[in-house]
Amino acid sequence: MPGWLFRGQPSGPEARVRFEDGSLVLKGRITFETVMGLYREIRPYLPEVVSVNLKEVTFMDSAGVALLVECKRLTTREGRELAFLNLPDQAASIARLSNAGGILGVA
């Protein structure tokens, strides 16, 4: 099992990311306080990623949804698809309310 990624500054004590079988697996609380650290960890791996799995996310605020939208934007710009798996209910609600539901595949 791959270890947690830490490039430069870690994303904080409550948020982590690991690369596993072509997927980024996010863990913990994805909030305004942790999102920039996560972005720095995630960005170098986006060219290799086919999905972002949120199965271990315990909380996500609007900053976390914005992080997912940015990941989608960057991969779309490269002509690739990016799937989001196990999106937490609160994040799906935020995505719908902010008109980002279609971007993240939330009906």
Protein backbone atom coordinates (compact mmCIF):
# COMPACT_ATOMS: atom_id res chain seq x y z
CA MET A 1 0.00 0.00 0.00
CA PRO A 2 1.48 3.37 -1.01
CA GLY A 3 2.36 5.81 1.74
CA TRP A 4 0.83 9.23 2.22
CA LEU A 5 2.34 11.89 0.00
CA PHE A 6 4.11 14.89 1.44
CA ARG A 7 5.70 17.29 -1.02
CA GLY A 8 7.00 20.34 0.77
CA GLN A 9 4.44 21.50 3.28
CA PRO A 10 2.04 18.79 4.44
CA SER A 11 -1.63 19.60 3.97
CA GLY A 12 -2.21 19.77 7.68
CA PRO A 13 -2.90 17.33 10.47
CA GLU A 14 -6.40 16.54 9.29
CA ALA A 15 -6.05 16.12 5.51
CA ARG A 16 -3.95 13.67 3.52
CA VAL A 17 -3.64 12.39 -0.02
CA ARG A 18 -2.10 9.25 -1.49
CA PHE A 19 -1.66 7.97 -5.03
CA GLU A 20 -3.03 4.45 -5.48
CA ASP A 21 -3.65 2.55 -8.74
CA GLY A 22 -4.09 5.66 -10.89
CA SER A 23 -6.32 7.31 -8.32
CA LEU A 24 -5.77 10.01 -5.74
CA VAL A 25 -7.33 9.02 -2.42
CA LEU A 26 -8.16 11.95 -0.17
CA LYS A 27 -8.54 11.52 3.57
CA GLY A 28 -9.74 13.66 6.46
CA ARG A 29 -11.18 17.17 6.55
CA ILE A 30 -10.89 19.11 3.29
CA THR A 31 -11.40 22.73 4.30
CA PHE A 32 -10.24 26.26 3.65
CA GLU A 33 -7.39 25.60 6.07
CA THR A 34 -6.13 22.43 4.34
CA VAL A 35 -6.99 22.92 0.67
CA MET A 36 -3.84 24.78 -0.46
CA GLY A 37 -1.56 22.15 1.04
CA LEU A 38 -3.58 19.44 -0.68
CA TYR A 39 -3.43 21.29 -3.98
CA ARG A 40 0.37 21.44 -3.78
CA GLU A 41 0.45 17.69 -3.11
CA ILE A 42 -2.09 16.79 -5.80
CA ARG A 43 -0.91 19.02 -8.68
CA PRO A 44 2.19 17.00 -9.70
CA TYR A 45 0.12 13.80 -9.91
CA LEU A 46 -2.77 15.12 -12.03
CA PRO A 47 -1.20 14.04 -15.36
CA GLU A 48 -1.26 10.41 -14.12
CA VAL A 49 -4.62 10.42 -12.33
CA VAL A 50 -7.87 9.01 -13.74
CA SER A 51 -9.98 9.48 -10.61
CA VAL A 52 -10.14 11.14 -7.22
CA ASN A 53 -11.57 8.89 -4.54
CA LEU A 54 -13.12 10.68 -1.58
CA LYS A 55 -14.05 7.56 0.39
CA GLU A 56 -11.95 8.60 3.40
CA VAL A 57 -13.02 12.25 3.51
CA THR A 58 -14.79 13.05 6.77
CA PHE A 59 -15.78 16.63 5.90
CA MET A 60 -15.55 18.93 2.88
CA ASP A 61 -16.48 22.61 2.68
CA SER A 62 -16.80 24.88 -0.36
CA ALA A 63 -13.00 25.24 -0.59
CA GLY A 64 -12.77 21.48 -1.04
CA VAL A 65 -15.37 21.61 -3.81
CA ALA A 66 -13.35 24.40 -5.46
CA LEU A 67 -10.27 22.16 -5.28
CA LEU A 68 -12.13 19.41 -7.14
CA VAL A 69 -13.36 21.87 -9.77
CA GLU A 70 -9.77 23.07 -10.31
CA CYS A 71 -8.53 19.48 -10.69
CA LYS A 72 -11.25 18.85 -13.26
CA ARG A 73 -10.39 22.07 -15.11
CA LEU A 74 -6.71 21.16 -15.33
CA THR A 75 -7.32 17.63 -16.59
CA THR A 76 -9.96 18.79 -19.09
CA ARG A 77 -7.48 21.34 -20.43
CA GLU A 78 -5.12 18.41 -21.07
CA GLY A 79 -7.88 16.58 -22.96
CA ARG A 80 -8.44 13.96 -20.27
CA GLU A 81 -11.34 12.82 -18.15
CA LEU A 82 -11.28 12.85 -14.36
CA ALA A 83 -13.85 10.99 -12.28
CA PHE A 84 -14.80 11.76 -8.70
CA LEU A 85 -15.71 8.74 -6.59
CA ASN A 86 -17.56 8.69 -3.26
CA LEU A 87 -18.26 12.42 -3.13
CA PRO A 88 -19.47 13.24 0.41
CA ASP A 89 -23.11 14.32 0.68
CA GLN A 90 -22.28 17.80 1.97
CA ALA A 91 -19.86 18.35 -0.93
CA ALA A 92 -22.48 17.18 -3.44
CA SER A 93 -24.97 19.66 -1.94
CA ILE A 94 -22.44 22.50 -2.17
CA ALA A 95 -21.66 21.54 -5.77
CA ARG A 96 -25.35 21.62 -6.72
CA LEU A 97 -25.94 24.96 -4.99
CA SER A 98 -22.91 26.54 -6.62
CA ASN A 99 -23.73 25.22 -10.11
CA ALA A 100 -20.64 23.01 -10.04
CA GLY A 101 -22.71 19.81 -9.93
CA GLY A 102 -22.37 19.19 -13.65
CA ILE A 103 -18.61 19.66 -13.50
CA LEU A 104 -18.27 17.10 -10.74
CA GLY A 105 -20.86 14.68 -12.14
CA VAL A 106 -23.46 15.35 -9.44
CA ALA A 107 -27.07 15.29 -10.60
